[in-house]
Amino acid sequence: MKKYADNLLHVLEGMSGRLSQLEFNSQHIEYTVGELKVESADNRGAADGKLRSLENMIREVFPSSSSSAL
């Protein structure tokens, strides 16, 4: 009986280690996804700014037609 209990304990310890690894990897993935969201928002903001700048340049070059075209 002790042999079975020892085997069960060994298996449970292995499972515990694997669950800890899974938790660590999950936290790492959550952090990475969060960073990607921030970076994506930053890039989107930069792209919006560049588009606004381009729109302003077009309005400077074509002041009379830009209000109806844009």
N, C-alpha and C. Protein backbone atom coordinates (compact mmCIF):
# COMPACT_ATOMS: atom_id res chain seq x y z
N MET A 1 0.83 -1.20 0.00
CA MET A 1 0.00 0.00 0.00
C MET A 1 0.87 1.26 0.00
N LYS A 2 1.97 1.22 0.75
CA LYS A 2 2.86 2.37 0.82
C LYS A 2 3.43 2.68 -0.56
N LYS A 3 3.72 1.63 -1.33
CA LYS A 3 4.27 1.80 -2.67
C LYS A 3 3.28 2.58 -3.54
N TYR A 4 2.00 2.26 -3.47
CA TYR A 4 0.98 2.96 -4.26
C TYR A 4 0.83 4.41 -3.80
N ALA A 5 0.88 4.61 -2.50
CA ALA A 5 0.77 5.96 -1.96
C ALA A 5 1.97 6.81 -2.41
N ASP A 6 3.16 6.22 -2.38
CA ASP A 6 4.35 6.93 -2.83
C ASP A 6 4.28 7.27 -4.32
N ASN A 7 3.80 6.29 -5.10
CA ASN A 7 3.64 6.55 -6.55
C ASN A 7 2.64 7.67 -6.79
N LEU A 8 1.53 7.62 -6.06
CA LEU A 8 0.51 8.66 -6.21
C LEU A 8 1.06 10.02 -5.82
N LEU A 9 1.80 10.08 -4.73
CA LEU A 9 2.41 11.33 -4.28
C LEU A 9 3.39 11.86 -5.33
N HIS A 10 4.17 10.96 -5.92
CA HIS A 10 5.13 11.36 -6.95
C HIS A 10 4.40 11.94 -8.17
N VAL A 11 3.32 11.29 -8.58
CA VAL A 11 2.54 11.77 -9.72
C VAL A 11 1.92 13.13 -9.39
N LEU A 12 1.38 13.29 -8.19
CA LEU A 12 0.77 14.56 -7.80
C LEU A 12 1.80 15.68 -7.74
N GLU A 13 3.00 15.38 -7.29
CA GLU A 13 4.05 16.40 -7.27
C GLU A 13 4.43 16.82 -8.68
N GLY A 14 4.47 15.85 -9.60
CA GLY A 14 4.75 16.16 -11.00
C GLY A 14 3.66 17.03 -11.60
N MET A 15 2.42 16.71 -11.27
CA MET A 15 1.30 17.52 -11.77
C MET A 15 1.36 18.92 -11.21
N SER A 16 1.73 19.04 -9.94
CA SER A 16 1.84 20.35 -9.31
C SER A 16 2.89 21.21 -10.03
N GLY A 17 4.02 20.59 -10.35
CA GLY A 17 5.07 21.31 -11.08
C GLY A 17 4.61 21.76 -12.45
N ARG A 18 3.90 20.87 -13.12
CA ARG A 18 3.40 21.22 -14.46
C ARG A 18 2.36 22.32 -14.38
N LEU A 19 1.51 22.28 -13.37
CA LEU A 19 0.52 23.34 -13.20
C LEU A 19 1.19 24.68 -12.90
N SER A 20 2.25 24.64 -12.12
CA SER A 20 3.00 25.87 -11.85
C SER A 20 3.61 26.43 -13.13
N GLN A 21 4.16 25.54 -13.96
CA GLN A 21 4.70 25.98 -15.25
C GLN A 21 3.61 26.58 -16.12
N LEU A 22 2.46 25.93 -16.15
CA LEU A 22 1.34 26.42 -16.94
C LEU A 22 0.89 27.79 -16.46
N GLU A 23 0.84 27.97 -15.14
CA GLU A 23 0.45 29.26 -14.58
C GLU A 23 1.46 30.34 -14.97
N PHE A 24 2.74 30.01 -14.87
CA PHE A 24 3.79 30.97 -15.24
C PHE A 24 3.68 31.35 -16.72
N ASN A 25 3.51 30.33 -17.58
CA ASN A 25 3.40 30.60 -19.01
C ASN A 25 2.15 31.40 -19.33
N SER A 26 1.06 31.13 -18.64
CA SER A 26 -0.18 31.88 -18.85
C SER A 26 0.00 33.34 -18.47
N GLN A 27 0.67 33.58 -17.36
CA GLN A 27 0.93 34.96 -16.94
C GLN A 27 1.82 35.67 -17.95
N HIS A 28 2.80 34.94 -18.47
CA HIS A 28 3.70 35.53 -19.48
C HIS A 28 2.91 35.89 -20.74
N ILE A 29 2.02 35.02 -21.15
CA ILE A 29 1.18 35.28 -22.33
C ILE A 29 0.28 36.48 -22.08
N GLU A 30 -0.33 36.56 -20.91
CA GLU A 30 -1.19 37.70 -20.57
C GLU A 30 -0.41 39.00 -20.63
N TYR A 31 0.81 38.99 -20.09
CA TYR A 31 1.65 40.18 -20.11
C TYR A 31 1.98 40.57 -21.54
N THR A 32 2.36 39.58 -22.37
CA THR A 32 2.72 39.84 -23.75
C THR A 32 1.54 40.40 -24.54
N VAL A 33 0.36 39.83 -24.33
CA VAL A 33 -0.84 40.32 -25.01
C VAL A 33 -1.12 41.76 -24.58
N GLY A 34 -0.97 42.04 -23.30
CA GLY A 34 -1.15 43.42 -22.82
C GLY A 34 -0.19 44.38 -23.48
N GLU A 35 1.06 43.97 -23.59
CA GLU A 35 2.06 44.82 -24.26
C GLU A 35 1.70 45.03 -25.73
N LEU A 36 1.24 43.98 -26.39
CA LEU A 36 0.83 44.11 -27.79
C LEU A 36 -0.33 45.07 -27.94
N LYS A 37 -1.27 45.03 -27.00
CA LYS A 37 -2.42 45.95 -27.05
C LYS A 37 -1.95 47.39 -26.93
N VAL A 38 -1.03 47.64 -26.00
CA VAL A 38 -0.51 48.99 -25.81
C VAL A 38 0.23 49.45 -27.05
N GLU A 39 1.08 48.56 -27.59
CA GLU A 39 1.85 48.91 -28.78
C GLU A 39 0.93 49.16 -29.97
N SER A 40 -0.10 48.35 -30.09
CA SER A 40 -1.06 48.52 -31.18
C SER A 40 -1.77 49.87 -31.07
N ALA A 41 -2.18 50.21 -29.86
CA ALA A 41 -2.85 51.50 -29.64
C ALA A 41 -1.90 52.65 -29.96
N ASP A 42 -0.64 52.51 -29.56
CA ASP A 42 0.35 53.56 -29.86
C ASP A 42 0.53 53.71 -31.37
N ASN A 43 0.64 52.57 -32.06
CA ASN A 43 0.83 52.61 -33.52
C ASN A 43 -0.39 53.21 -34.20
N ARG A 44 -1.58 52.86 -33.70
CA ARG A 44 -2.81 53.40 -34.28
C ARG A 44 -2.84 54.91 -34.08
N GLY A 45 -2.44 55.35 -32.90
CA GLY A 45 -2.40 56.79 -32.63
C GLY A 45 -1.41 57.50 -33.54
N ALA A 46 -0.26 56.88 -33.76
CA ALA A 46 0.74 57.48 -34.65
C ALA A 46 0.21 57.55 -36.08
N ALA A 47 -0.46 56.48 -36.51
CA ALA A 47 -1.01 56.47 -37.87
C ALA A 47 -2.09 57.54 -38.01
N ASP A 48 -2.93 57.68 -36.98
CA ASP A 48 -3.96 58.72 -37.02
C ASP A 48 -3.34 60.10 -37.12
N GLY A 49 -2.28 60.31 -36.37
CA GLY A 49 -1.59 61.60 -36.41
C GLY A 49 -0.99 61.88 -37.79
N LYS A 50 -0.41 60.85 -38.39
CA LYS A 50 0.17 61.04 -39.72
C LYS A 50 -0.92 61.31 -40.76
N LEU A 51 -2.05 60.64 -40.63
CA LEU A 51 -3.16 60.90 -41.56
C LEU A 51 -3.69 62.32 -41.40
N ARG A 52 -3.81 62.79 -40.16
CA ARG A 52 -4.26 64.17 -39.94
C ARG A 52 -3.27 65.15 -40.53
N SER A 53 -1.99 64.86 -40.37
CA SER A 53 -0.95 65.73 -40.93
C SER A 53 -1.03 65.76 -42.45
N LEU A 54 -1.23 64.59 -43.04
CA LEU A 54 -1.37 64.51 -44.49
C LEU A 54 -2.61 65.27 -44.96
N GLU A 55 -3.70 65.13 -44.22
CA GLU A 55 -4.93 65.86 -44.55
C GLU A 55 -4.68 67.37 -44.50
N ASN A 56 -3.97 67.81 -43.48
CA ASN A 56 -3.67 69.25 -43.36
C ASN A 56 -2.81 69.73 -44.52
N MET A 57 -1.84 68.90 -44.93
CA MET A 57 -1.00 69.28 -46.07
C MET A 57 -1.83 69.39 -47.34
N ILE A 58 -2.73 68.44 -47.53
CA ILE A 58 -3.59 68.48 -48.72
C ILE A 58 -4.45 69.74 -48.69
N ARG A 59 -4.96 70.09 -47.52
CA ARG A 59 -5.78 71.30 -47.41
C ARG A 59 -4.97 72.55 -47.71
N GLU A 60 -3.69 72.53 -47.34
CA GLU A 60 -2.83 73.68 -47.65
C GLU A 60 -2.58 73.78 -49.15
N VAL A 61 -2.39 72.64 -49.80
CA VAL A 61 -2.09 72.64 -51.23
C VAL A 61 -3.34 72.93 -52.06
N PHE A 62 -4.46 72.36 -51.65
CA PHE A 62 -5.73 72.54 -52.36
C PHE A 62 -6.78 73.13 -51.41
N PRO A 63 -6.63 74.38 -51.06
CA PRO A 63 -7.52 74.95 -50.05
C PRO A 63 -9.00 75.02 -50.47
N SER A 64 -9.30 75.24 -51.72
CA SER A 64 -10.70 75.42 -52.11
C SER A 64 -11.42 74.08 -52.26
N SER A 65 -10.74 73.04 -52.75
CA SER A 65 -11.41 71.77 -53.01
C SER A 65 -11.29 70.79 -51.86
N SER A 66 -10.43 71.06 -50.88
CA SER A 66 -10.20 70.08 -49.82
C SER A 66 -11.39 69.93 -48.90
N SER A 67 -12.16 70.99 -48.68
CA SER A 67 -13.29 70.88 -47.77
C SER A 67 -14.38 70.00 -48.35
N SER A 68 -14.56 70.02 -49.66
CA SER A 68 -15.60 69.17 -50.26
C SER A 68 -15.08 67.76 -50.51
N ALA A 69 -13.76 67.61 -50.75
CA ALA A 69 -13.21 66.29 -51.03
C ALA A 69 -12.99 65.51 -49.75
N LEU A 70 -12.66 66.18 -48.66
CA LEU A 70 -12.36 65.49 -47.41
C LEU A 70 -13.50 65.73 -46.49
